[in-house]
Amino acid sequence: MKKVAVIGAGVSGLVAARYLKEKFSVTVFEASASIGGIWLYNKIGDTAKHTPMYKNLRTNLPKQLMTLRDLPHDESVPTFITHEHVMEYLNSYCEKFNLKDLIPI
């Protein structure tokens, strides 16, 4: 089986890994200690480090536009979700499609 590298475990990297693993041996390389890409809020002291996220951020797009076709958002989640909800969603995506084993972090 051919090997494929995916750079980054943000939304795009996770979706790419999900489909590539059907035909390739996939490894996802992530620089941080977690999945999430720009949605990972790294709070160091009073500021966030290496991320555009901030403590009370809500998306400026409704969750319906941020939904991946094979994992609907929970109906109880508000329309404009927080970065915590995005991270929960991405973790659920990883669990549903067994992606965590592809990411050596």
Protein backbone atom coordinates (compact mmCIF):
# COMPACT_ATOMS: atom_id res chain seq x y z
CA MET A 1 0.00 0.00 0.00
CA LYS A 2 1.36 3.43 -0.92
CA LYS A 3 2.06 5.90 1.87
CA VAL A 4 0.57 9.41 1.93
CA ALA A 5 1.37 12.31 4.25
CA VAL A 6 -1.24 14.90 5.19
CA ILE A 7 0.17 18.12 6.62
CA GLY A 8 -1.99 19.52 9.40
CA ALA A 9 -4.87 18.13 11.46
CA GLY A 10 -7.22 21.04 10.92
CA VAL A 11 -10.55 20.64 9.17
CA SER A 12 -9.07 20.15 5.68
CA GLY A 13 -6.39 17.74 6.86
CA LEU A 14 -8.89 15.61 8.76
CA VAL A 15 -11.27 15.40 5.82
CA ALA A 16 -8.40 14.57 3.45
CA ALA A 17 -7.16 11.83 5.80
CA ARG A 18 -10.68 10.39 6.15
CA TYR A 19 -10.97 9.80 2.39
CA LEU A 20 -7.32 9.01 1.61
CA LYS A 21 -7.19 6.22 4.19
CA GLU A 22 -9.61 4.22 2.05
CA LYS A 23 -6.82 3.60 -0.52
CA PHE A 24 -3.54 4.61 1.14
CA SER A 25 -1.55 4.25 4.31
CA VAL A 26 -1.98 7.75 5.78
CA THR A 27 -0.01 9.68 8.37
CA VAL A 28 -1.21 13.12 9.44
CA PHE A 29 1.58 15.42 10.63
CA GLU A 30 0.44 18.09 13.09
CA ALA A 31 2.80 20.68 14.63
CA SER A 32 0.70 21.31 17.74
CA ALA A 33 -0.26 18.94 20.53
CA SER A 34 -3.83 18.51 19.31
CA ILE A 35 -6.03 18.37 16.25
CA GLY A 36 -8.01 21.45 15.25
CA GLY A 37 -5.69 23.70 13.28
CA ILE A 38 -6.72 27.32 13.71
CA TRP A 39 -9.65 26.21 15.90
CA LEU A 40 -7.29 25.11 18.66
CA TYR A 41 -7.30 27.78 21.35
CA ASN A 42 -3.90 27.78 23.07
CA LYS A 43 -4.26 30.06 26.06
CA ILE A 44 -0.94 31.09 27.56
CA GLY A 45 -1.45 33.48 30.46
CA ASP A 46 -3.85 36.21 29.31
CA THR A 47 -3.30 35.74 25.58
CA ALA A 48 -3.77 33.03 22.98
CA LYS A 49 -0.59 31.73 21.39
CA HIS A 50 -0.26 31.02 17.65
CA THR A 51 -3.98 31.14 16.94
CA PRO A 52 -6.56 33.65 15.74
CA MET A 53 -8.97 32.30 18.39
CA TYR A 54 -9.97 34.27 21.44
CA LYS A 55 -11.78 33.26 24.59
CA ASN A 56 -15.37 34.23 23.63
CA LEU A 57 -15.19 33.63 19.88
CA ARG A 58 -18.31 32.54 18.02
CA THR A 59 -18.24 31.65 14.35
CA ASN A 60 -19.42 34.24 11.85
CA LEU A 61 -20.96 31.50 9.71
CA PRO A 62 -23.94 29.40 10.79
CA LYS A 63 -23.19 25.82 11.77
CA GLN A 64 -25.19 24.64 8.76
CA LEU A 65 -22.43 26.03 6.49
CA MET A 66 -19.68 24.51 8.67
CA THR A 67 -21.16 21.00 8.71
CA LEU A 68 -19.29 18.17 7.02
CA ARG A 69 -21.68 16.07 4.96
CA ASP A 70 -21.07 12.85 6.85
CA LEU A 71 -21.41 14.25 10.38
CA PRO A 72 -24.35 16.55 11.15
CA HIS A 73 -24.14 18.97 14.05
CA ASP A 74 -26.23 18.25 17.12
CA GLU A 75 -29.55 20.12 16.87
CA SER A 76 -29.14 21.44 20.42
CA VAL A 77 -26.00 23.38 19.45
CA PRO A 78 -26.69 27.08 18.69
CA THR A 79 -26.50 28.35 15.12
CA PHE A 80 -23.32 30.38 15.70
CA ILE A 81 -21.02 28.04 17.56
CA THR A 82 -18.06 28.68 19.82
CA HIS A 83 -14.52 27.48 19.14
CA GLU A 84 -15.12 24.86 21.86
CA HIS A 85 -18.05 23.47 19.87
CA VAL A 86 -15.90 23.36 16.72
CA MET A 87 -13.24 21.40 18.60
CA GLU A 88 -15.84 18.98 20.00
CA TYR A 89 -17.17 18.51 16.47
CA LEU A 90 -13.69 17.82 15.06
CA ASN A 91 -12.97 15.34 17.85
CA SER A 92 -16.27 13.60 17.07
CA TYR A 93 -15.28 13.46 13.39
CA CYS A 94 -11.95 11.85 14.35
CA GLU A 95 -13.71 9.29 16.53
CA LYS A 96 -16.38 8.45 13.96
CA PHE A 97 -13.82 7.80 11.22
CA ASN A 98 -10.99 6.40 13.39
CA LEU A 99 -8.53 9.16 12.49
CA LYS A 100 -6.70 9.57 15.79
CA ASP A 101 -4.45 6.57 15.07
CA LEU A 102 -3.23 8.34 11.92
CA ILE A 103 -1.99 11.38 13.89
CA PRO A 104 1.19 10.76 15.92
CA ILE A 105 0.79 13.54 18.52
